[in-house]
Amino acid sequence: MKANNYSIHPSVYFIVAALLIAYFFPREGKFRYQFYEGKPWRYGLLTAPSDFPIYKTDAEVQAERDSESSNLITGRMPQSNPKR
């Protein structure tokens, strides 16, 4: 039988680890931009550091174009005839 001869109880390790994590965790979020609704964006463009291509076959591209053109509403909306 194996004897456990701990000089410090394992729960103390857990409590110390939790306290260290809580101490080094940031206190508040740091959002570098300040913006207001209805006001223009005051900073430069936000772009991703990298991009990736989306490969589509010609058939897929044509299907997207067809679906977009079929969903496109053109002309005027029907209006009730006002009395003259």
N, C-alpha and C. Protein backbone atom coordinates (compact mmCIF):
# COMPACT_ATOMS: atom_id res chain seq x y z
N MET A 1 0.83 -1.17 0.00
CA MET A 1 0.00 0.00 0.00
C MET A 1 0.88 1.24 0.00
N LYS A 2 0.50 2.21 -0.81
CA LYS A 2 1.29 3.43 -0.93
C LYS A 2 0.81 4.46 0.08
N ALA A 3 1.74 5.01 0.79
CA ALA A 3 1.40 6.02 1.79
C ALA A 3 1.56 7.41 1.18
N ASN A 4 0.58 8.27 1.41
CA ASN A 4 0.65 9.65 0.94
C ASN A 4 1.17 10.53 2.06
N ASN A 5 2.41 10.95 1.91
CA ASN A 5 3.02 11.80 2.92
C ASN A 5 3.14 13.22 2.37
N TYR A 6 2.02 13.91 2.31
CA TYR A 6 2.03 15.29 1.84
C TYR A 6 2.31 16.22 3.00
N SER A 7 3.21 17.16 2.78
CA SER A 7 3.44 18.14 3.83
C SER A 7 2.43 19.28 3.70
N ILE A 8 1.94 19.50 2.46
CA ILE A 8 0.92 20.52 2.22
C ILE A 8 -0.28 19.81 1.60
N HIS A 9 -1.44 20.12 2.11
CA HIS A 9 -2.66 19.48 1.61
C HIS A 9 -2.92 19.92 0.17
N PRO A 10 -3.37 19.02 -0.72
CA PRO A 10 -3.58 19.36 -2.13
C PRO A 10 -4.57 20.50 -2.35
N SER A 11 -5.52 20.68 -1.48
CA SER A 11 -6.48 21.77 -1.65
C SER A 11 -5.80 23.14 -1.49
N VAL A 12 -4.70 23.19 -0.75
CA VAL A 12 -3.96 24.44 -0.60
C VAL A 12 -3.32 24.82 -1.94
N TYR A 13 -2.81 23.82 -2.67
CA TYR A 13 -2.27 24.10 -4.01
C TYR A 13 -3.34 24.68 -4.92
N PHE A 14 -4.55 24.11 -4.84
CA PHE A 14 -5.65 24.60 -5.67
C PHE A 14 -6.00 26.04 -5.31
N ILE A 15 -6.08 26.35 -4.05
CA ILE A 15 -6.43 27.71 -3.61
C ILE A 15 -5.35 28.70 -4.03
N VAL A 16 -4.09 28.34 -3.87
CA VAL A 16 -2.98 29.23 -4.26
C VAL A 16 -3.00 29.45 -5.77
N ALA A 17 -3.23 28.40 -6.55
CA ALA A 17 -3.29 28.55 -8.01
C ALA A 17 -4.45 29.45 -8.41
N ALA A 18 -5.60 29.29 -7.79
CA ALA A 18 -6.76 30.13 -8.10
C ALA A 18 -6.49 31.59 -7.75
N LEU A 19 -5.84 31.85 -6.64
CA LEU A 19 -5.51 33.22 -6.25
C LEU A 19 -4.49 33.85 -7.20
N LEU A 20 -3.50 33.08 -7.63
CA LEU A 20 -2.52 33.61 -8.59
C LEU A 20 -3.17 33.94 -9.93
N ILE A 21 -4.04 33.07 -10.39
CA ILE A 21 -4.74 33.35 -11.65
C ILE A 21 -5.60 34.60 -11.52
N ALA A 22 -6.33 34.72 -10.42
CA ALA A 22 -7.18 35.89 -10.21
C ALA A 22 -6.35 37.16 -10.08
N TYR A 23 -5.17 37.08 -9.51
CA TYR A 23 -4.32 38.26 -9.34
C TYR A 23 -3.77 38.75 -10.68
N PHE A 24 -3.36 37.83 -11.54
CA PHE A 24 -2.74 38.23 -12.80
C PHE A 24 -3.75 38.42 -13.94
N PHE A 25 -4.99 38.08 -13.72
CA PHE A 25 -6.01 38.27 -14.74
C PHE A 25 -6.31 39.76 -14.87
N PRO A 26 -6.52 40.27 -16.10
CA PRO A 26 -6.78 41.71 -16.25
C PRO A 26 -8.04 42.14 -15.50
N ARG A 27 -7.98 43.30 -14.90
CA ARG A 27 -9.09 43.80 -14.11
C ARG A 27 -10.25 44.30 -14.98
N GLU A 28 -9.92 44.89 -16.11
CA GLU A 28 -10.95 45.44 -16.99
C GLU A 28 -10.57 45.21 -18.43
N GLY A 29 -11.56 45.16 -19.29
CA GLY A 29 -11.29 44.97 -20.70
C GLY A 29 -10.70 46.24 -21.30
N LYS A 30 -9.80 46.08 -22.23
CA LYS A 30 -9.17 47.23 -22.85
C LYS A 30 -9.58 47.29 -24.31
N PHE A 31 -10.54 48.14 -24.61
CA PHE A 31 -11.00 48.34 -25.97
C PHE A 31 -10.36 49.63 -26.46
N ARG A 32 -9.58 49.53 -27.53
CA ARG A 32 -8.75 50.65 -27.96
C ARG A 32 -9.51 51.72 -28.74
N TYR A 33 -10.75 51.48 -29.07
CA TYR A 33 -11.49 52.41 -29.91
C TYR A 33 -12.68 52.98 -29.15
N GLN A 34 -12.96 54.24 -29.41
CA GLN A 34 -14.12 54.88 -28.82
C GLN A 34 -15.02 55.32 -29.97
N PHE A 35 -16.27 54.90 -29.96
CA PHE A 35 -17.17 55.22 -31.05
C PHE A 35 -18.53 55.56 -30.51
N TYR A 36 -19.28 56.29 -31.31
CA TYR A 36 -20.62 56.70 -30.93
C TYR A 36 -21.57 56.40 -32.07
N GLU A 37 -22.77 56.01 -31.75
CA GLU A 37 -23.77 55.70 -32.78
C GLU A 37 -24.16 56.99 -33.50
N GLY A 38 -24.18 56.92 -34.81
CA GLY A 38 -24.56 58.07 -35.61
C GLY A 38 -23.39 58.99 -35.96
N LYS A 39 -22.21 58.70 -35.45
CA LYS A 39 -21.02 59.51 -35.75
C LYS A 39 -20.11 58.74 -36.68
N PRO A 40 -19.31 59.43 -37.50
CA PRO A 40 -18.40 58.71 -38.40
C PRO A 40 -17.27 58.02 -37.63
N TRP A 41 -16.74 56.97 -38.23
CA TRP A 41 -15.64 56.21 -37.63
C TRP A 41 -14.38 57.07 -37.70
N ARG A 42 -13.70 57.27 -36.57
CA ARG A 42 -12.58 58.19 -36.50
C ARG A 42 -11.22 57.53 -36.69
N TYR A 43 -11.20 56.24 -36.88
CA TYR A 43 -9.93 55.53 -36.96
C TYR A 43 -9.73 54.96 -38.35
N GLY A 44 -8.58 54.37 -38.58
CA GLY A 44 -8.29 53.75 -39.87
C GLY A 44 -9.12 52.50 -40.09
N LEU A 45 -8.95 51.91 -41.25
CA LEU A 45 -9.69 50.70 -41.56
C LEU A 45 -9.26 49.55 -40.67
N LEU A 46 -10.22 48.75 -40.27
CA LEU A 46 -9.93 47.55 -39.50
C LEU A 46 -9.87 46.38 -40.48
N THR A 47 -8.69 45.85 -40.67
CA THR A 47 -8.52 44.73 -41.58
C THR A 47 -7.84 43.58 -40.84
N ALA A 48 -8.14 42.40 -41.29
CA ALA A 48 -7.54 41.21 -40.69
C ALA A 48 -6.07 41.12 -41.11
N PRO A 49 -5.22 40.54 -40.29
CA PRO A 49 -3.81 40.43 -40.64
C PRO A 49 -3.56 39.45 -41.79
N SER A 50 -4.51 38.59 -42.07
CA SER A 50 -4.34 37.65 -43.17
C SER A 50 -5.69 37.43 -43.84
N ASP A 51 -5.66 36.93 -45.04
CA ASP A 51 -6.89 36.59 -45.72
C ASP A 51 -6.73 35.22 -46.36
N PHE A 52 -7.83 34.67 -46.81
CA PHE A 52 -7.78 33.35 -47.42
C PHE A 52 -8.76 33.34 -48.60
N PRO A 53 -8.42 32.63 -49.63
CA PRO A 53 -9.30 32.58 -50.80
C PRO A 53 -10.45 31.59 -50.59
N ILE A 54 -11.55 31.88 -51.25
CA ILE A 54 -12.68 30.96 -51.26
C ILE A 54 -12.79 30.43 -52.68
N TYR A 55 -12.51 29.17 -52.83
CA TYR A 55 -12.51 28.56 -54.15
C TYR A 55 -13.91 28.07 -54.51
N LYS A 56 -14.41 28.52 -55.65
CA LYS A 56 -15.72 28.09 -56.14
C LYS A 56 -15.59 27.71 -57.61
N THR A 57 -16.40 26.75 -57.99
CA THR A 57 -16.41 26.38 -59.41
C THR A 57 -17.22 27.42 -60.18
N ASP A 58 -17.08 27.40 -61.49
CA ASP A 58 -17.84 28.33 -62.31
C ASP A 58 -19.34 28.12 -62.15
N ALA A 59 -19.75 26.88 -61.98
CA ALA A 59 -21.17 26.57 -61.79
C ALA A 59 -21.70 27.18 -60.50
N GLU A 60 -20.91 27.13 -59.42
CA GLU A 60 -21.33 27.71 -58.15
C GLU A 60 -21.46 29.22 -58.25
N VAL A 61 -20.50 29.85 -58.92
CA VAL A 61 -20.55 31.29 -59.09
C VAL A 61 -21.77 31.69 -59.91
N GLN A 62 -22.04 30.96 -60.98
CA GLN A 62 -23.19 31.25 -61.82
C GLN A 62 -24.50 31.04 -61.06
N ALA A 63 -24.56 30.00 -60.22
CA ALA A 63 -25.76 29.74 -59.42
C ALA A 63 -26.00 30.89 -58.44
N GLU A 64 -24.93 31.42 -57.83
CA GLU A 64 -25.08 32.56 -56.92
C GLU A 64 -25.57 33.80 -57.65
N ARG A 65 -25.02 34.05 -58.82
CA ARG A 65 -25.46 35.21 -59.60
C ARG A 65 -26.92 35.08 -60.00
N ASP A 66 -27.33 33.87 -60.40
CA ASP A 66 -28.72 33.66 -60.77
C ASP A 66 -29.66 33.85 -59.59
N SER A 67 -29.28 33.34 -58.42
CA SER A 67 -30.13 33.47 -57.25
C SER A 67 -30.21 34.93 -56.80
N GLU A 68 -29.11 35.68 -56.93
CA GLU A 68 -29.14 37.09 -56.55
C GLU A 68 -30.01 37.89 -57.50
N SER A 69 -29.93 37.59 -58.80
CA SER A 69 -30.73 38.34 -59.75
C SER A 69 -32.21 37.98 -59.64
N SER A 70 -32.53 36.76 -59.22
CA SER A 70 -33.93 36.39 -59.08
C SER A 70 -34.54 37.00 -57.82
N ASN A 71 -33.72 37.28 -56.82
CA ASN A 71 -34.21 37.89 -55.59
C ASN A 71 -34.21 39.41 -55.64
N LEU A 72 -33.71 39.97 -56.71
CA LEU A 72 -33.60 41.41 -56.85
C LEU A 72 -34.97 42.00 -57.15
N ILE A 73 -35.35 42.99 -56.39
CA ILE A 73 -36.63 43.66 -56.60
C ILE A 73 -36.37 44.91 -57.43
N THR A 74 -36.96 44.97 -58.59
CA THR A 74 -36.78 46.14 -59.44
C THR A 74 -38.12 46.82 -59.66
N GLY A 75 -38.07 48.04 -60.07
CA GLY A 75 -39.30 48.78 -60.35
C GLY A 75 -39.89 49.37 -59.10
N ARG A 76 -41.13 49.75 -59.20
CA ARG A 76 -41.80 50.40 -58.10
C ARG A 76 -42.69 49.40 -57.36
N MET A 77 -42.92 49.69 -56.14
CA MET A 77 -43.84 48.89 -55.35
C MET A 77 -45.26 49.28 -55.75
N PRO A 78 -46.19 48.35 -55.80
CA PRO A 78 -47.57 48.71 -56.16
C PRO A 78 -48.17 49.65 -55.11
N GLN A 79 -48.84 50.67 -55.60
CA GLN A 79 -49.47 51.64 -54.71
C GLN A 79 -50.96 51.66 -55.00
N SER A 80 -51.71 51.98 -53.99
CA SER A 80 -53.15 52.11 -54.22
C SER A 80 -53.39 53.38 -55.05
N ASN A 81 -54.39 53.36 -55.89
CA ASN A 81 -54.69 54.50 -56.74
C ASN A 81 -55.37 55.60 -55.93
N PRO A 82 -54.74 56.72 -55.79
CA PRO A 82 -55.40 57.81 -55.05
C PRO A 82 -56.51 58.41 -55.91
N LYS A 83 -57.54 58.86 -55.26
CA LYS A 83 -58.65 59.49 -55.97
C LYS A 83 -58.22 60.86 -56.45
N ARG A 84 -58.57 61.17 -57.69
CA ARG A 84 -58.20 62.48 -58.23
C ARG A 84 -59.36 63.39 -58.25
